[in-house]
C-alpha atoms as a PDB file:
ATOM      1  CA  MET A   1      66.840-226.519  17.454  1.00  0.00           C
ATOM      2  CA  ARG A   2      68.178-223.681  15.347  1.00  0.00           C
ATOM      3  CA  SER A   3      69.850-222.268  18.442  1.00  0.00           C
ATOM      4  CA  ALA A   4      71.542-225.631  19.071  1.00  0.00           C
ATOM      5  CA  VAL A   5      72.842-225.620  15.475  1.00  0.00           C
ATOM      6  CA  GLU A   6      74.167-222.073  15.977  1.00  0.00           C
ATOM      7  CA  GLN A   7      75.875-223.212  19.183  1.00  0.00           C
ATOM      8  CA  ALA A   8      77.528-226.094  17.304  1.00  0.00           C
ATOM      9  CA  LEU A   9      78.730-223.719  14.577  1.00  0.00           C
ATOM     10  CA  SER A  10      80.219-221.503  17.268  1.00  0.00           C
ATOM     11  CA  GLY A  11      81.972-224.523  18.735  1.00  0.00           C
ATOM     12  CA  ILE A  12      83.388-225.541  15.368  1.00  0.00           C
ATOM     13  CA  SER A  13      84.734-222.000  14.911  1.00  0.00           C
ATOM     14  CA  ALA A  14      86.389-222.298  18.340  1.00  0.00           C
ATOM     15  CA  GLY A  15      88.101-225.560  17.392  1.00  0.00           C
ATOM     16  CA  GLN A  16      85.695-227.789  19.306  1.00  0.00           C
ATOM     17  CA  THR A  17      83.786-230.824  18.059  1.00  0.00           C
ATOM     18  CA  PRO A  18      80.517-230.238  16.139  1.00  0.00           C
ATOM     19  CA  PHE A  19      77.903-230.663  18.844  1.00  0.00           C
ATOM     20  CA  GLY A  20      75.523-228.029  20.223  1.00  0.00           C
ATOM     21  CA  ALA A  21      72.648-228.107  22.691  1.00  0.00           C
ATOM     22  CA  CYS A  22      70.098-225.879  24.417  1.00  0.00           C
ATOM     23  CA  VAL A  23      67.793-226.270  27.406  1.00  0.00           C
ATOM     24  CA  VAL A  24      64.380-224.622  27.132  1.00  0.00           C
ATOM     25  CA  LYS A  25      61.692-224.201  29.784  1.00  0.00           C
ATOM     26  CA  ASP A  26      58.265-222.703  29.183  1.00  0.00           C
ATOM     27  CA  GLY A  27      59.353-221.604  25.707  1.00  0.00           C
ATOM     28  CA  ARG A  28      62.338-219.670  27.097  1.00  0.00           C
ATOM     29  CA  LEU A  29      65.988-220.464  26.428  1.00  0.00           C
ATOM     30  CA  VAL A  30      67.554-221.322  29.788  1.00  0.00           C
ATOM     31  CA  ALA A  31      71.024-222.335  28.571  1.00  0.00           C
ATOM     32  CA  GLY A  32      72.877-222.957  25.347  1.00  0.00           C
ATOM     33  CA  GLY A  33      76.333-224.156  24.535  1.00  0.00           C
ATOM     34  CA  HIS A  34      78.557-226.476  22.600  1.00  0.00           C
ATOM     35  CA  ASN A  35      80.961-229.284  23.298  1.00  0.00           C
ATOM     36  CA  VAL A  36      83.981-227.962  25.243  1.00  0.00           C
ATOM     37  CA  VAL A  37      85.931-231.194  25.734  1.00  0.00           C
ATOM     38  CA  TRP A  38      89.124-229.883  24.115  1.00  0.00           C
ATOM     39  CA  ALA A  39      88.876-226.415  25.673  1.00  0.00           C
ATOM     40  CA  THR A  40      88.476-227.792  29.197  1.00  0.00           C
ATOM     41  CA  THR A  41      90.376-231.088  28.844  1.00  0.00           C
ATOM     42  CA  ASP A  42      87.268-232.647  30.386  1.00  0.00           C
ATOM     43  CA  ILE A  43      86.026-235.684  28.487  1.00  0.00           C
ATOM     44  CA  THR A  44      82.592-235.284  30.149  1.00  0.00           C
ATOM     45  CA  ALA A  45      82.102-231.745  28.782  1.00  0.00           C
ATOM     46  CA  HIS A  46      79.783-232.814  25.980  1.00  0.00           C
ATOM     47  CA  ALA A  47      77.347-230.161  24.780  1.00  0.00           C
ATOM     48  CA  GLU A  48      74.417-231.691  26.659  1.00  0.00           C
ATOM     49  CA  VAL A  49      76.281-232.019  29.967  1.00  0.00           C
ATOM     50  CA  HIS A  50      77.680-228.510  29.549  1.00  0.00           C
ATOM     51  CA  VAL A  51      74.220-226.946  29.056  1.00  0.00           C
ATOM     52  CA  ILE A  52      72.674-229.033  31.838  1.00  0.00           C
ATOM     53  CA  ARG A  53      75.324-227.633  34.201  1.00  0.00           C
ATOM     54  CA  LYS A  54      74.577-224.102  32.981  1.00  0.00           C
ATOM     55  CA  ALA A  55      70.809-224.599  33.246  1.00  0.00           C
ATOM     56  CA  CYS A  56      71.064-225.965  36.796  1.00  0.00           C
ATOM     57  CA  ALA A  57      73.254-223.027  37.831  1.00  0.00           C
ATOM     58  CA  GLY A  58      70.980-220.507  36.128  1.00  0.00           C
ATOM     59  CA  LEU A  59      67.815-221.898  37.672  1.00  0.00           C
ATOM     60  CA  GLY A  60      69.421-222.659  41.027  1.00  0.00           C
ATOM     61  CA  THR A  61      68.313-226.288  41.055  1.00  0.00           C
ATOM     62  CA  VAL A  62      69.362-229.755  39.951  1.00  0.00           C
ATOM     63  CA  ASP A  63      65.752-230.567  39.018  1.00  0.00           C
ATOM     64  CA  LEU A  64      65.079-229.530  35.431  1.00  0.00           C
ATOM     65  CA  SER A  65      61.540-230.920  35.335  1.00  0.00           C
ATOM     66  CA  GLY A  66      59.487-229.232  32.657  1.00  0.00           C
ATOM     67  CA  CYS A  67      62.525-228.615  30.460  1.00  0.00           C
ATOM     68  CA  THR A  68      63.320-229.802  26.955  1.00  0.00           C
ATOM     69  CA  ILE A  69      66.870-230.345  25.726  1.00  0.00           C
ATOM     70  CA  TYR A  70      67.586-229.727  22.059  1.00  0.00           C
ATOM     71  CA  SER A  71      70.739-231.366  20.724  1.00  0.00           C
ATOM     72  CA  THR A  72      72.263-231.400  17.267  1.00  0.00           C
ATOM     73  CA  CYS A  73      73.018-235.100  17.763  1.00  0.00           C
ATOM     74  CA  GLU A  74      71.375-237.932  19.637  1.00  0.00           C
ATOM     75  CA  PRO A  75      72.836-237.820  23.147  1.00  0.00           C
ATOM     76  CA  CYS A  76      75.418-240.461  24.013  1.00  0.00           C
ATOM     77  CA  PRO A  77      74.658-242.818  26.934  1.00  0.00           C
ATOM     78  CA  MET A  78      76.506-240.529  29.389  1.00  0.00           C
ATOM     79  CA  CYS A  79      74.484-237.509  28.283  1.00  0.00           C
ATOM     80  CA  PHE A  80      71.233-239.478  28.256  1.00  0.00           C
ATOM     81  CA  SER A  81      71.935-240.460  31.871  1.00  0.00           C
ATOM     82  CA  ALA A  82      72.570-236.831  32.830  1.00  0.00           C
ATOM     83  CA  ILE A  83      69.313-235.829  31.129  1.00  0.00           C
ATOM     84  CA  HIS A  84      67.482-238.541  33.061  1.00  0.00           C
ATOM     85  CA  TRP A  85      69.046-237.548  36.407  1.00  0.00           C
ATOM     86  CA  ALA A  86      68.180-233.886  35.778  1.00  0.00           C
ATOM     87  CA  ASN A  87      64.531-234.905  35.222  1.00  0.00           C
ATOM     88  CA  ILE A  88      64.436-233.360  31.746  1.00  0.00           C
ATOM     89  CA  GLY A  89      61.250-234.736  30.230  1.00  0.00           C
ATOM     90  CA  ARG A  90      61.910-234.289  26.525  1.00  0.00           C
ATOM     91  CA  ILE A  91      64.862-234.751  24.153  1.00  0.00           C
ATOM     92  CA  VAL A  92      64.767-233.303  20.639  1.00  0.00           C
ATOM     93  CA  TYR A  93      67.712-234.121  18.398  1.00  0.00           C
ATOM     94  CA  GLY A  94      68.835-233.961  14.762  1.00  0.00           C
ATOM     95  CA  ALA A  95      71.618-236.354  13.725  1.00  0.00           C
ATOM     96  CA  SER A  96      71.613-239.904  15.083  1.00  0.00           C
ATOM     97  CA  ILE A  97      74.264-241.608  17.157  1.00  0.00           C
ATOM     98  CA  GLU A  98      74.932-243.695  14.025  1.00  0.00           C
ATOM     99  CA  ASP A  99      75.597-240.488  12.058  1.00  0.00           C
ATOM    100  CA  ALA A 100      78.169-239.439  14.676  1.00  0.00           C
ATOM    101  CA  GLY A 101      79.845-242.831  14.499  1.00  0.00           C
ATOM    102  CA  ASN A 102      79.927-242.655  10.707  1.00  0.00           C
ATOM    103  CA  ALA A 103      81.598-239.223  10.999  1.00  0.00           C
ATOM    104  CA  GLY A 104      84.444-240.755  13.003  1.00  0.00           C
ATOM    105  CA  PHE A 105      83.299-240.342  16.593  1.00  0.00           C
ATOM    106  CA  ASP A 106      83.869-243.327  18.846  1.00  0.00           C
ATOM    107  CA  GLU A 107      80.273-243.560  19.954  1.00  0.00           C
ATOM    108  CA  LEU A 108      78.650-246.293  21.975  1.00  0.00           C
ATOM    109  CA  ARG A 109      75.956-246.988  19.429  1.00  0.00           C
ATOM    110  CA  ILE A 110      73.117-247.437  21.880  1.00  0.00           C
ATOM    111  CA  SER A 111      70.076-245.432  20.891  1.00  0.00           C
ATOM    112  CA  ASN A 112      68.206-243.147  23.253  1.00  0.00           C
ATOM    113  CA  SER A 113      65.087-245.209  22.602  1.00  0.00           C
ATOM    114  CA  THR A 114      66.865-248.338  23.844  1.00  0.00           C
ATOM    115  CA  LEU A 115      68.226-246.524  26.919  1.00  0.00           C
ATOM    116  CA  ASN A 116      64.786-245.059  27.601  1.00  0.00           C
ATOM    117  CA  ASP A 117      63.169-248.491  27.401  1.00  0.00           C
ATOM    118  CA  LEU A 118      65.837-250.328  29.419  1.00  0.00           C
ATOM    119  CA  GLY A 119      65.870-247.691  32.153  1.00  0.00           C
ATOM    120  CA  LYS A 120      62.122-247.102  32.108  1.00  0.00           C
ATOM    121  CA  ALA A 121      62.979-243.396  32.039  1.00  0.00           C
ATOM    122  CA  GLY A 122      59.790-242.187  30.385  1.00  0.00           C
ATOM    123  CA  ILE A 123      61.526-239.385  28.484  1.00  0.00           C
ATOM    124  CA  GLU A 124      59.775-238.170  25.334  1.00  0.00           C
ATOM    125  CA  ILE A 125      62.199-238.472  22.414  1.00  0.00           C
ATOM    126  CA  VAL A 126      61.800-236.590  19.136  1.00  0.00           C
ATOM    127  CA  SER A 127      64.382-237.526  16.508  1.00  0.00           C
ATOM    128  CA  GLY A 128      65.474-236.250  13.112  1.00  0.00           C
ATOM    129  CA  VAL A 129      64.667-232.544  13.626  1.00  0.00           C
ATOM    130  CA  LEU A 130      66.770-230.526  11.134  1.00  0.00           C
ATOM    131  CA  LYS A 131      68.691-233.770  10.541  1.00  0.00           C
ATOM    132  CA  ASP A 132      70.322-232.678   7.273  1.00  0.00           C
ATOM    133  CA  GLU A 133      71.632-229.471   8.871  1.00  0.00           C
ATOM    134  CA  CYS A 134      72.892-231.389  11.866  1.00  0.00           C
ATOM    135  CA  VAL A 135      74.673-234.026   9.749  1.00  0.00           C
ATOM    136  CA  ARG A 136      76.218-231.195   7.723  1.00  0.00           C
ATOM    137  CA  LEU A 137      77.891-229.967  10.947  1.00  0.00           C
ATOM    138  CA  PHE A 138      80.118-233.064  10.838  1.00  0.00           C
ATOM    139  CA  GLU A 139      81.165-232.199   7.288  1.00  0.00           C
ATOM    140  CA  LEU A 140      81.920-228.575   8.205  1.00  0.00           C
ATOM    141  CA  TRP A 141      83.979-229.727  11.167  1.00  0.00           C
ATOM    142  CA  LYS A 142      85.975-232.195   9.044  1.00  0.00           C
ATOM    143  CA  GLN A 143      86.898-229.329   6.688  1.00  0.00           C
ATOM    144  CA  ARG A 144      88.811-227.603   9.500  1.00  0.00           C
ATOM    145  CA  PRO A 145      92.510-228.417   9.389  1.00  0.00           C
ATOM    146  CA  ASP A 146      92.611-228.647  13.193  1.00  0.00           C
ATOM    147  CA  HIS A 147      89.678-231.050  13.667  1.00  0.00           C
ATOM    148  CA  GLN A 148      90.107-233.810  16.227  1.00  0.00           C
ATOM    149  CA  ALA A 149      87.778-236.654  17.052  1.00  0.00           C
ATOM    150  CA  TYR A 150      87.704-238.562  20.282  1.00  0.00           C
END
């Protein structure tokens, strides 16, 4: 999770929104990155989707079974779906989707637990890891004169 926070800090420094994520398999970092929506003008380039793409390319497969994704914020419904389709079995996150909404992000406030239950996805979800640090990322981002929400 610390690596995901570092990725988010890197993204904030690069003028991106304050979200970071990492994919880990067998205790080894497979991919890390941050949100690159503004850099790529791709609204789907959330941190989680970005690192899933990198992990798939790095491992040469679209099946990320046995992997865990660490995210500084609870994945949005789009990212949760990508995690499900990649067969990632575990999500660990810090700030909640409510925290992101409260920070000004136009989030669909549907929790991962609800999505997991409705879709019968069977993904293990661990919430609130380094939550205070992850919520602080929103504050650091808002201090930048060039910050933009979406």
